[in-house]
């Protein structure tokens, strides 16, 4: 009876080790992919690949989105203001 539980424990341990090693490899690959994406994006835009640059880029794109939504709701003054803010922020980032 002891041999059965020992074999069962080894099988469960081997399975858990397999899962943990593969998840580690997957997360490591995802980190490399995300790093390469951010580097390529910042090279294409001509900005430094930093977290602050990425946050400013996302904020500028969000402002453009809000401006377009304002135009769809027929709020033209708000749309112009949001679009100008977004373009000002993005132009400062890219230039």
C-alpha atoms as a PDB file:
ATOM      1  CA  UNK A   1       0.000   0.000   0.000  1.00  0.00           C
ATOM      2  CA  UNK A   2       2.904   2.379   0.716  1.00  0.00           C
ATOM      3  CA  UNK A   3       4.261   1.888  -2.797  1.00  0.00           C
ATOM      4  CA  UNK A   4       0.953   2.995  -4.330  1.00  0.00           C
ATOM      5  CA  UNK A   5       0.847   6.293  -2.439  1.00  0.00           C
ATOM      6  CA  UNK A   6       4.518   6.925  -3.094  1.00  0.00           C
ATOM      7  CA  UNK A   7       3.945   6.444  -6.825  1.00  0.00           C
ATOM      8  CA  UNK A   8       0.821   8.611  -6.686  1.00  0.00           C
ATOM      9  CA  UNK A   9       2.734  11.367  -4.851  1.00  0.00           C
ATOM     10  CA  UNK A  10       5.549  11.260  -7.398  1.00  0.00           C
ATOM     11  CA  UNK A  11       3.042  11.494 -10.253  1.00  0.00           C
ATOM     12  CA  UNK A  12       1.277  14.486  -8.697  1.00  0.00           C
ATOM     13  CA  UNK A  13       4.618  16.167  -7.930  1.00  0.00           C
ATOM     14  CA  UNK A  14       5.843  15.608 -11.482  1.00  0.00           C
ATOM     15  CA  UNK A  15       2.606  17.058 -12.867  1.00  0.00           C
ATOM     16  CA  UNK A  16       2.829  20.146 -10.633  1.00  0.00           C
ATOM     17  CA  UNK A  17       6.477  20.662 -11.578  1.00  0.00           C
ATOM     18  CA  UNK A  18       5.566  20.392 -15.280  1.00  0.00           C
ATOM     19  CA  UNK A  19       2.821  23.021 -14.879  1.00  0.00           C
ATOM     20  CA  UNK A  20       5.060  25.437 -12.920  1.00  0.00           C
ATOM     21  CA  UNK A  21       7.996  25.155 -15.360  1.00  0.00           C
ATOM     22  CA  UNK A  22       5.776  25.714 -18.396  1.00  0.00           C
ATOM     23  CA  UNK A  23       3.997  28.684 -16.816  1.00  0.00           C
ATOM     24  CA  UNK A  24       7.385  30.189 -15.970  1.00  0.00           C
ATOM     25  CA  UNK A  25       8.550  29.753 -19.556  1.00  0.00           C
ATOM     26  CA  UNK A  26       5.296  31.246 -20.888  1.00  0.00           C
ATOM     27  CA  UNK A  27       5.499  34.299 -18.633  1.00  0.00           C
ATOM     28  CA  UNK A  28       9.162  34.784 -19.510  1.00  0.00           C
ATOM     29  CA  UNK A  29       8.311  34.697 -23.215  1.00  0.00           C
ATOM     30  CA  UNK A  30       5.435  37.140 -22.692  1.00  0.00           C
ATOM     31  CA  UNK A  31       7.811  39.535 -20.921  1.00  0.00           C
ATOM     32  CA  UNK A  32      10.174  39.408 -23.886  1.00  0.00           C
ATOM     33  CA  UNK A  33       7.332  39.955 -26.325  1.00  0.00           C
ATOM     34  CA  UNK A  34       5.977  42.946 -24.401  1.00  0.00           C
ATOM     35  CA  UNK A  35       9.460  44.440 -24.086  1.00  0.00           C
ATOM     36  CA  UNK A  36      10.076  44.071 -27.800  1.00  0.00           C
ATOM     37  CA  UNK A  37       6.690  45.644 -28.596  1.00  0.00           C
ATOM     38  CA  UNK A  38       7.360  48.671 -26.387  1.00  0.00           C
ATOM     39  CA  UNK A  39      10.852  49.092 -27.842  1.00  0.00           C
ATOM     40  CA  UNK A  40       9.539  48.897 -31.416  1.00  0.00           C
ATOM     41  CA  UNK A  41       6.692  51.298 -30.679  1.00  0.00           C
ATOM     42  CA  UNK A  42       8.964  53.852 -29.055  1.00  0.00           C
ATOM     43  CA  UNK A  43      11.519  53.550 -31.889  1.00  0.00           C
ATOM     44  CA  UNK A  44       8.782  54.168 -34.463  1.00  0.00           C
ATOM     45  CA  UNK A  45       7.551  57.234 -32.577  1.00  0.00           C
ATOM     46  CA  UNK A  46      11.027  58.525 -31.790  1.00  0.00           C
ATOM     47  CA  UNK A  47      10.591  58.561 -28.007  1.00  0.00           C
ATOM     48  CA  UNK A  48      12.494  56.883 -25.222  1.00  0.00           C
ATOM     49  CA  UNK A  49      11.172  53.448 -24.210  1.00  0.00           C
ATOM     50  CA  UNK A  50      10.119  54.358 -20.676  1.00  0.00           C
ATOM     51  CA  UNK A  51       7.003  53.848 -18.629  1.00  0.00           C
ATOM     52  CA  UNK A  52       6.344  57.594 -18.515  1.00  0.00           C
ATOM     53  CA  UNK A  53       6.426  57.846 -22.320  1.00  0.00           C
ATOM     54  CA  UNK A  54       3.991  54.950 -22.590  1.00  0.00           C
ATOM     55  CA  UNK A  55       1.622  56.531 -20.045  1.00  0.00           C
ATOM     56  CA  UNK A  56       1.735  59.885 -21.861  1.00  0.00           C
ATOM     57  CA  UNK A  57       1.051  58.117 -25.168  1.00  0.00           C
ATOM     58  CA  UNK A  58      -1.939  56.273 -23.721  1.00  0.00           C
ATOM     59  CA  UNK A  59      -3.256  59.487 -22.157  1.00  0.00           C
ATOM     60  CA  UNK A  60      -2.955  61.337 -25.474  1.00  0.00           C
ATOM     61  CA  UNK A  61      -4.754  58.555 -27.341  1.00  0.00           C
ATOM     62  CA  UNK A  62      -7.470  58.524 -24.680  1.00  0.00           C
ATOM     63  CA  UNK A  63      -7.951  62.294 -25.092  1.00  0.00           C
ATOM     64  CA  UNK A  64      -8.335  61.830 -28.857  1.00  0.00           C
ATOM     65  CA  UNK A  65     -10.893  59.087 -28.227  1.00  0.00           C
ATOM     66  CA  UNK A  66     -12.857  61.307 -25.837  1.00  0.00           C
ATOM     67  CA  UNK A  67     -12.796  64.090 -28.420  1.00  0.00           C
ATOM     68  CA  UNK A  68     -14.173  61.788 -31.123  1.00  0.00           C
ATOM     69  CA  UNK A  69     -16.896  60.588 -28.764  1.00  0.00           C
ATOM     70  CA  UNK A  70     -17.839  64.210 -28.069  1.00  0.00           C
ATOM     71  CA  UNK A  71     -18.230  64.825 -31.798  1.00  0.00           C
ATOM     72  CA  UNK A  72     -20.447  61.757 -32.121  1.00  0.00           C
ATOM     73  CA  UNK A  73     -22.646  63.146 -29.317  1.00  0.00           C
ATOM     74  CA  UNK A  74     -22.767  66.434 -31.296  1.00  0.00           C
ATOM     75  CA  UNK A  75     -20.904  68.351 -28.613  1.00  0.00           C
ATOM     76  CA  UNK A  76     -18.617  70.231 -30.974  1.00  0.00           C
ATOM     77  CA  UNK A  77     -16.993  72.648 -28.513  1.00  0.00           C
ATOM     78  CA  UNK A  78     -16.035  69.841 -26.123  1.00  0.00           C
ATOM     79  CA  UNK A  79     -14.838  67.742 -29.061  1.00  0.00           C
ATOM     80  CA  UNK A  80     -12.554  70.507 -30.274  1.00  0.00           C
ATOM     81  CA  UNK A  81     -11.157  71.055 -26.767  1.00  0.00           C
ATOM     82  CA  UNK A  82     -10.467  67.331 -26.169  1.00  0.00           C
ATOM     83  CA  UNK A  83      -8.924  66.854 -29.614  1.00  0.00           C
ATOM     84  CA  UNK A  84      -6.670  69.881 -29.206  1.00  0.00           C
ATOM     85  CA  UNK A  85      -5.538  68.671 -25.772  1.00  0.00           C
ATOM     86  CA  UNK A  86      -4.799  65.213 -27.149  1.00  0.00           C
ATOM     87  CA  UNK A  87      -2.934  66.539 -30.161  1.00  0.00           C
ATOM     88  CA  UNK A  88      -0.951  68.974 -27.988  1.00  0.00           C
ATOM     89  CA  UNK A  89       0.075  66.160 -25.649  1.00  0.00           C
ATOM     90  CA  UNK A  90       1.012  63.775 -28.457  1.00  0.00           C
ATOM     91  CA  UNK A  91       2.895  66.427 -30.410  1.00  0.00           C
ATOM     92  CA  UNK A  92       4.954  67.223 -27.319  1.00  0.00           C
ATOM     93  CA  UNK A  93       5.733  63.551 -26.873  1.00  0.00           C
ATOM     94  CA  UNK A  94       6.682  62.787 -30.463  1.00  0.00           C
ATOM     95  CA  UNK A  95       8.645  65.917 -31.387  1.00  0.00           C
END
